[in-house]
Amino acid sequence: MLILLVFLLIGVAAYFTWRSRNSTVTRQCRWRADRSVAADYYHCLACGGQMRTGTDRAPRVCMARASG
């Protein structure tokens, strides 16, 4: 029973590590629409990233993580 618990804890830790490394969703980025440039243009207050999305939805990618 103890070995099963150890495997379960290792599995949960591995899942959260995998999820955090493969996720492009970020809480640090604060995307703001800049309609003076284009209808789909956004800039990030936190990382300085700039992006055109092609939709009316804010990006879900951190430009700081994407470039480095």
PDB file of N, CA and C in Angstrom:
ATOM      1  N   MET A   1       0.816  -1.186   0.000  1.00  0.00           N
ATOM      2  CA  MET A   1       0.000   0.000   0.000  1.00  0.00           C
ATOM      3  C   MET A   1       0.865   1.257   0.000  1.00  0.00           C
ATOM      4  N   LEU A   2       1.954   1.211   0.730  1.00  0.00           N
ATOM      5  CA  LEU A   2       2.853   2.361   0.802  1.00  0.00           C
ATOM      6  C   LEU A   2       3.515   2.616  -0.554  1.00  0.00           C
ATOM      7  N   ILE A   3       3.862   1.564  -1.264  1.00  0.00           N
ATOM      8  CA  ILE A   3       4.483   1.708  -2.580  1.00  0.00           C
ATOM      9  C   ILE A   3       3.499   2.329  -3.566  1.00  0.00           C
ATOM     10  N   LEU A   4       2.246   1.953  -3.476  1.00  0.00           N
ATOM     11  CA  LEU A   4       1.215   2.539  -4.332  1.00  0.00           C
ATOM     12  C   LEU A   4       1.079   4.036  -4.067  1.00  0.00           C
ATOM     13  N   LEU A   5       1.122   4.435  -2.812  1.00  0.00           N
ATOM     14  CA  LEU A   5       1.050   5.844  -2.450  1.00  0.00           C
ATOM     15  C   LEU A   5       2.251   6.624  -2.996  1.00  0.00           C
ATOM     16  N   VAL A   6       3.423   6.035  -2.919  1.00  0.00           N
ATOM     17  CA  VAL A   6       4.632   6.671  -3.445  1.00  0.00           C
ATOM     18  C   VAL A   6       4.508   6.857  -4.962  1.00  0.00           C
ATOM     19  N   PHE A   7       4.058   5.834  -5.675  1.00  0.00           N
ATOM     20  CA  PHE A   7       3.872   5.953  -7.126  1.00  0.00           C
ATOM     21  C   PHE A   7       2.826   7.005  -7.477  1.00  0.00           C
ATOM     22  N   LEU A   8       1.782   7.078  -6.688  1.00  0.00           N
ATOM     23  CA  LEU A   8       0.745   8.076  -6.908  1.00  0.00           C
ATOM     24  C   LEU A   8       1.296   9.489  -6.728  1.00  0.00           C
ATOM     25  N   LEU A   9       2.067   9.708  -5.697  1.00  0.00           N
ATOM     26  CA  LEU A   9       2.668  11.029  -5.460  1.00  0.00           C
ATOM     27  C   LEU A   9       3.655  11.407  -6.560  1.00  0.00           C
ATOM     28  N   ILE A  10       4.439  10.444  -7.011  1.00  0.00           N
ATOM     29  CA  ILE A  10       5.378  10.704  -8.105  1.00  0.00           C
ATOM     30  C   ILE A  10       4.615  11.020  -9.386  1.00  0.00           C
ATOM     31  N   GLY A  11       3.538  10.302  -9.639  1.00  0.00           N
ATOM     32  CA  GLY A  11       2.724  10.553 -10.824  1.00  0.00           C
ATOM     33  C   GLY A  11       2.082  11.929 -10.812  1.00  0.00           C
ATOM     34  N   VAL A  12       1.563  12.339  -9.674  1.00  0.00           N
ATOM     35  CA  VAL A  12       0.950  13.670  -9.563  1.00  0.00           C
ATOM     36  C   VAL A  12       2.006  14.755  -9.759  1.00  0.00           C
ATOM     37  N   ALA A  13       3.165  14.596  -9.161  1.00  0.00           N
ATOM     38  CA  ALA A  13       4.234  15.576  -9.326  1.00  0.00           C
ATOM     39  C   ALA A  13       4.696  15.644 -10.781  1.00  0.00           C
ATOM     40  N   ALA A  14       4.805  14.503 -11.438  1.00  0.00           N
ATOM     41  CA  ALA A  14       5.210  14.488 -12.850  1.00  0.00           C
ATOM     42  C   ALA A  14       4.163  15.155 -13.729  1.00  0.00           C
ATOM     43  N   TYR A  15       2.894  14.927 -13.441  1.00  0.00           N
ATOM     44  CA  TYR A  15       1.822  15.554 -14.221  1.00  0.00           C
ATOM     45  C   TYR A  15       1.866  17.072 -14.101  1.00  0.00           C
ATOM     46  N   PHE A  16       1.994  17.588 -12.889  1.00  0.00           N
ATOM     47  CA  PHE A  16       2.032  19.040 -12.714  1.00  0.00           C
ATOM     48  C   PHE A  16       3.285  19.658 -13.320  1.00  0.00           C
ATOM     49  N   THR A  17       4.394  18.956 -13.285  1.00  0.00           N
ATOM     50  CA  THR A  17       5.606  19.450 -13.935  1.00  0.00           C
ATOM     51  C   THR A  17       5.417  19.496 -15.447  1.00  0.00           C
ATOM     52  N   TRP A  18       4.870  18.439 -16.021  1.00  0.00           N
ATOM     53  CA  TRP A  18       4.600  18.392 -17.466  1.00  0.00           C
ATOM     54  C   TRP A  18       3.624  19.486 -17.869  1.00  0.00           C
ATOM     55  N   ARG A  19       2.562  19.673 -17.091  1.00  0.00           N
ATOM     56  CA  ARG A  19       1.552  20.672 -17.422  1.00  0.00           C
ATOM     57  C   ARG A  19       2.116  22.082 -17.378  1.00  0.00           C
ATOM     58  N   SER A  20       2.970  22.375 -16.426  1.00  0.00           N
ATOM     59  CA  SER A  20       3.509  23.733 -16.321  1.00  0.00           C
ATOM     60  C   SER A  20       4.531  24.033 -17.425  1.00  0.00           C
ATOM     61  N   ARG A  21       5.238  23.021 -17.896  1.00  0.00           N
ATOM     62  CA  ARG A  21       6.228  23.249 -18.952  1.00  0.00           C
ATOM     63  C   ARG A  21       5.612  23.291 -20.345  1.00  0.00           C
ATOM     64  N   ASN A  22       4.504  22.605 -20.546  1.00  0.00           N
ATOM     65  CA  ASN A  22       3.887  22.533 -21.864  1.00  0.00           C
ATOM     66  C   ASN A  22       2.723  23.498 -22.034  1.00  0.00           C
ATOM     67  N   SER A  23       2.401  24.239 -21.024  1.00  0.00           N
ATOM     68  CA  SER A  23       1.281  25.172 -21.105  1.00  0.00           C
ATOM     69  C   SER A  23       1.780  26.529 -21.577  1.00  0.00           C
ATOM     70  N   THR A  24       1.056  27.125 -22.521  1.00  0.00           N
ATOM     71  CA  THR A  24       1.413  28.471 -22.973  1.00  0.00           C
ATOM     72  C   THR A  24       0.573  29.526 -22.281  1.00  0.00           C
ATOM     73  N   VAL A  25      -0.388  29.101 -21.513  1.00  0.00           N
ATOM     74  CA  VAL A  25      -1.202  30.042 -20.769  1.00  0.00           C
ATOM     75  C   VAL A  25      -0.356  30.608 -19.638  1.00  0.00           C
ATOM     76  N   THR A  26      -0.421  31.892 -19.444  1.00  0.00           N
ATOM     77  CA  THR A  26       0.404  32.517 -18.433  1.00  0.00           C
ATOM     78  C   THR A  26      -0.398  33.508 -17.611  1.00  0.00           C
ATOM     79  N   ARG A  27      -0.067  33.613 -16.382  1.00  0.00           N
ATOM     80  CA  ARG A  27      -0.714  34.596 -15.523  1.00  0.00           C
ATOM     81  C   ARG A  27       0.081  35.888 -15.470  1.00  0.00           C
ATOM     82  N   GLN A  28       1.345  35.847 -15.846  1.00  0.00           N
ATOM     83  CA  GLN A  28       2.166  37.047 -15.775  1.00  0.00           C
ATOM     84  C   GLN A  28       1.813  38.043 -16.877  1.00  0.00           C
ATOM     85  N   CYS A  29       1.432  37.559 -18.033  1.00  0.00           N
ATOM     86  CA  CYS A  29       1.130  38.460 -19.153  1.00  0.00           C
ATOM     87  C   CYS A  29      -0.208  39.142 -18.938  1.00  0.00           C
ATOM     88  N   ARG A  30      -0.223  40.425 -19.226  1.00  0.00           N
ATOM     89  CA  ARG A  30      -1.437  41.232 -19.133  1.00  0.00           C
ATOM     90  C   ARG A  30      -1.672  41.861 -20.492  1.00  0.00           C
ATOM     91  N   TRP A  31      -2.403  41.167 -21.345  1.00  0.00           N
ATOM     92  CA  TRP A  31      -2.634  41.617 -22.708  1.00  0.00           C
ATOM     93  C   TRP A  31      -3.683  42.713 -22.739  1.00  0.00           C
ATOM     94  N   ARG A  32      -3.382  43.794 -23.471  1.00  0.00           N
ATOM     95  CA  ARG A  32      -4.300  44.912 -23.654  1.00  0.00           C
ATOM     96  C   ARG A  32      -4.471  45.163 -25.141  1.00  0.00           C
ATOM     97  N   ALA A  33      -5.708  45.358 -25.546  1.00  0.00           N
ATOM     98  CA  ALA A  33      -6.000  45.647 -26.953  1.00  0.00           C
ATOM     99  C   ALA A  33      -5.608  47.078 -27.265  1.00  0.00           C
ATOM    100  N   ASP A  34      -5.010  47.284 -28.423  1.00  0.00           N
ATOM    101  CA  ASP A  34      -4.665  48.624 -28.906  1.00  0.00           C
ATOM    102  C   ASP A  34      -5.372  48.820 -30.242  1.00  0.00           C
ATOM    103  N   ARG A  35      -6.580  49.307 -30.184  1.00  0.00           N
ATOM    104  CA  ARG A  35      -7.402  49.461 -31.381  1.00  0.00           C
ATOM    105  C   ARG A  35      -6.918  50.592 -32.277  1.00  0.00           C
ATOM    106  N   SER A  36      -6.027  51.454 -31.777  1.00  0.00           N
ATOM    107  CA  SER A  36      -5.498  52.524 -32.631  1.00  0.00           C
ATOM    108  C   SER A  36      -4.538  51.976 -33.679  1.00  0.00           C
ATOM    109  N   VAL A  37      -3.961  50.789 -33.421  1.00  0.00           N
ATOM    110  CA  VAL A  37      -3.053  50.156 -34.377  1.00  0.00           C
ATOM    111  C   VAL A  37      -3.841  49.265 -35.335  1.00  0.00           C
ATOM    112  N   ALA A  38      -4.602  48.343 -34.774  1.00  0.00           N
ATOM    113  CA  ALA A  38      -5.422  47.420 -35.567  1.00  0.00           C
ATOM    114  C   ALA A  38      -6.480  46.813 -34.650  1.00  0.00           C
ATOM    115  N   ALA A  39      -7.506  46.271 -35.249  1.00  0.00           N
ATOM    116  CA  ALA A  39      -8.594  45.692 -34.458  1.00  0.00           C
ATOM    117  C   ALA A  39      -8.156  44.450 -33.698  1.00  0.00           C
ATOM    118  N   ASP A  40      -7.142  43.742 -34.193  1.00  0.00           N
ATOM    119  CA  ASP A  40      -6.680  42.515 -33.544  1.00  0.00           C
ATOM    120  C   ASP A  40      -5.269  42.639 -32.975  1.00  0.00           C
ATOM    121  N   TYR A  41      -4.836  43.856 -32.650  1.00  0.00           N
ATOM    122  CA  TYR A  41      -3.489  44.093 -32.137  1.00  0.00           C
ATOM    123  C   TYR A  41      -3.524  44.159 -30.612  1.00  0.00           C
ATOM    124  N   TYR A  42      -2.631  43.417 -29.973  1.00  0.00           N
ATOM    125  CA  TYR A  42      -2.536  43.396 -28.519  1.00  0.00           C
ATOM    126  C   TYR A  42      -1.087  43.617 -28.100  1.00  0.00           C
ATOM    127  N   HIS A  43      -0.908  44.269 -26.942  1.00  0.00           N
ATOM    128  CA  HIS A  43       0.431  44.388 -26.364  1.00  0.00           C
ATOM    129  C   HIS A  43       0.352  43.989 -24.896  1.00  0.00           C
ATOM    130  N   CYS A  44       1.452  43.464 -24.393  1.00  0.00           N
ATOM    131  CA  CYS A  44       1.504  42.961 -23.024  1.00  0.00           C
ATOM    132  C   CYS A  44       2.162  43.992 -22.121  1.00  0.00           C
ATOM    133  N   LEU A  45       1.536  44.266 -21.003  1.00  0.00           N
ATOM    134  CA  LEU A  45       2.092  45.215 -20.045  1.00  0.00           C
ATOM    135  C   LEU A  45       3.229  44.615 -19.234  1.00  0.00           C
ATOM    136  N   ALA A  46       3.265  43.308 -19.096  1.00  0.00           N
ATOM    137  CA  ALA A  46       4.267  42.656 -18.256  1.00  0.00           C
ATOM    138  C   ALA A  46       5.557  42.329 -19.007  1.00  0.00           C
ATOM    139  N   CYS A  47       5.443  41.684 -20.182  1.00  0.00           N
ATOM    140  CA  CYS A  47       6.658  41.229 -20.870  1.00  0.00           C
ATOM    141  C   CYS A  47       7.011  42.093 -22.076  1.00  0.00           C
ATOM    142  N   GLY A  48       6.109  43.004 -22.481  1.00  0.00           N
ATOM    143  CA  GLY A  48       6.402  43.876 -23.615  1.00  0.00           C
ATOM    144  C   GLY A  48       6.111  43.251 -24.961  1.00  0.00           C
ATOM    145  N   GLY A  49       5.520  42.067 -24.966  1.00  0.00           N
ATOM    146  CA  GLY A  49       5.217  41.391 -26.220  1.00  0.00           C
ATOM    147  C   GLY A  49       4.136  42.106 -27.010  1.00  0.00           C
ATOM    148  N   GLN A  50       4.198  41.963 -28.326  1.00  0.00           N
ATOM    149  CA  GLN A  50       3.204  42.550 -29.218  1.00  0.00           C
ATOM    150  C   GLN A  50       2.756  41.472 -30.184  1.00  0.00           C
ATOM    151  N   MET A  51       1.437  41.440 -30.455  1.00  0.00           N
ATOM    152  CA  MET A  51       0.932  40.366 -31.286  1.00  0.00           C
ATOM    153  C   MET A  51      -0.370  40.775 -31.946  1.00  0.00           C
ATOM    154  N   ARG A  52      -0.531  40.321 -33.191  1.00  0.00           N
ATOM    155  CA  ARG A  52      -1.825  40.399 -33.870  1.00  0.00           C
ATOM    156  C   ARG A  52      -2.397  38.993 -33.879  1.00  0.00           C
ATOM    157  N   THR A  53      -3.640  38.852 -33.435  1.00  0.00           N
ATOM    158  CA  THR A  53      -4.210  37.528 -33.250  1.00  0.00           C
ATOM    159  C   THR A  53      -5.042  37.047 -34.431  1.00  0.00           C
ATOM    160  N   GLY A  54      -5.611  37.946 -35.190  1.00  0.00           N
ATOM    161  CA  GLY A  54      -6.489  37.533 -36.272  1.00  0.00           C
ATOM    162  C   GLY A  54      -7.915  37.289 -35.793  1.00  0.00           C
ATOM    163  N   THR A  55      -8.126  37.386 -34.488  1.00  0.00           N
ATOM    164  CA  THR A  55      -9.463  37.246 -33.899  1.00  0.00           C
ATOM    165  C   THR A  55      -9.677  38.398 -32.928  1.00  0.00           C
ATOM    166  N   ASP A  56     -10.823  38.425 -32.309  1.00  0.00           N
ATOM    167  CA  ASP A  56     -11.081  39.475 -31.320  1.00  0.00           C
ATOM    168  C   ASP A  56     -10.744  39.034 -29.903  1.00  0.00           C
ATOM    169  N   ARG A  57     -10.054  37.911 -29.761  1.00  0.00           N
ATOM    170  CA  ARG A  57      -9.685  37.385 -28.450  1.00  0.00           C
ATOM    171  C   ARG A  57      -8.220  37.677 -28.147  1.00  0.00           C
ATOM    172  N   ALA A  58      -7.932  37.911 -26.884  1.00  0.00           N
ATOM    173  CA  ALA A  58      -6.561  38.189 -26.446  1.00  0.00           C
ATOM    174  C   ALA A  58      -5.692  36.947 -26.614  1.00  0.00           C
ATOM    175  N   PRO A  59      -4.394  37.127 -26.834  1.00  0.00           N
ATOM    176  CA  PRO A  59      -3.479  35.979 -26.973  1.00  0.00           C
ATOM    177  C   PRO A  59      -3.398  35.182 -25.676  1.00  0.00           C
ATOM    178  N   ARG A  60      -3.041  33.922 -25.807  1.00  0.00           N
ATOM    179  CA  ARG A  60      -2.843  33.054 -24.653  1.00  0.00           C
ATOM    180  C   ARG A  60      -1.394  32.569 -24.581  1.00  0.00           C
ATOM    181  N   VAL A  61      -0.513  33.278 -25.218  1.00  0.00           N
ATOM    182  CA  VAL A  61       0.896  32.905 -25.286  1.00  0.00           C
ATOM    183  C   VAL A  61       1.726  34.012 -24.661  1.00  0.00           C
ATOM    184  N   CYS A  62       2.664  33.657 -23.824  1.00  0.00           N
ATOM    185  CA  CYS A  62       3.581  34.633 -23.248  1.00  0.00           C
ATOM    186  C   CYS A  62       4.742  34.826 -24.212  1.00  0.00           C
ATOM    187  N   MET A  63       4.934  36.011 -24.686  1.00  0.00           N
ATOM    188  CA  MET A  63       6.013  36.276 -25.637  1.00  0.00           C
ATOM    189  C   MET A  63       7.382  36.179 -24.976  1.00  0.00           C
ATOM    190  N   ALA A  64       7.463  36.407 -23.679  1.00  0.00           N
ATOM    191  CA  ALA A  64       8.742  36.265 -22.979  1.00  0.00           C
ATOM    192  C   ALA A  64       9.170  34.799 -22.972  1.00  0.00           C
ATOM    193  N   ARG A  65       8.224  33.875 -22.752  1.00  0.00           N
ATOM    194  CA  ARG A  65       8.553  32.440 -22.776  1.00  0.00           C
ATOM    195  C   ARG A  65       8.824  31.954 -24.190  1.00  0.00           C
ATOM    196  N   ALA A  66       8.120  32.521 -25.161  1.00  0.00           N
ATOM    197  CA  ALA A  66       8.278  32.074 -26.543  1.00  0.00           C
ATOM    198  C   ALA A  66       9.637  32.462 -27.101  1.00  0.00           C
ATOM    199  N   SER A  67      10.181  33.592 -26.656  1.00  0.00           N
ATOM    200  CA  SER A  67      11.454  34.057 -27.204  1.00  0.00           C
ATOM    201  C   SER A  67      12.648  33.586 -26.396  1.00  0.00           C
ATOM    202  N   GLY A  68      12.430  33.073 -25.220  1.00  0.00           N
ATOM    203  CA  GLY A  68      13.581  32.710 -24.423  1.00  0.00           C
ATOM    204  C   GLY A  68      13.404  31.493 -23.682  1.00  0.00           C
TER     205      GLY A  68
END
